[in-house]
Amino acid sequence: MITVRFFASTRELLGTDLLEIEDASLSVAGLRAKLISHGANWERGLANSLVAVNQVMVADEQQTLIAGDEVAFFPPVTGG
């Protein structure tokens, strides 16, 4: 099982902060595509979001997920 967490405005847009996904054979990109297929809000919330796996930022979304992974989606952050 993969735990998927959503933070900040992504969480607010999706109306949830946590999902658990049974399919552990997905890549990060595959998981993003699967979640986006849930509808317009999901596409808007996840299309440009940042992602981390096990609290490490993902550079290559072809990374394969395995059971027990925690994936976090959150909006881009800017500073100034």
Foldseek 3Di string as FASTA:
>chain_A
DEKEAEDDVLCVLVVHGIDDDPDQFQFQVRVLVVQPVVDDSSCVSRVQWWKDKPPHTDPDSRHGGGPPIYMYTYHDDDDD
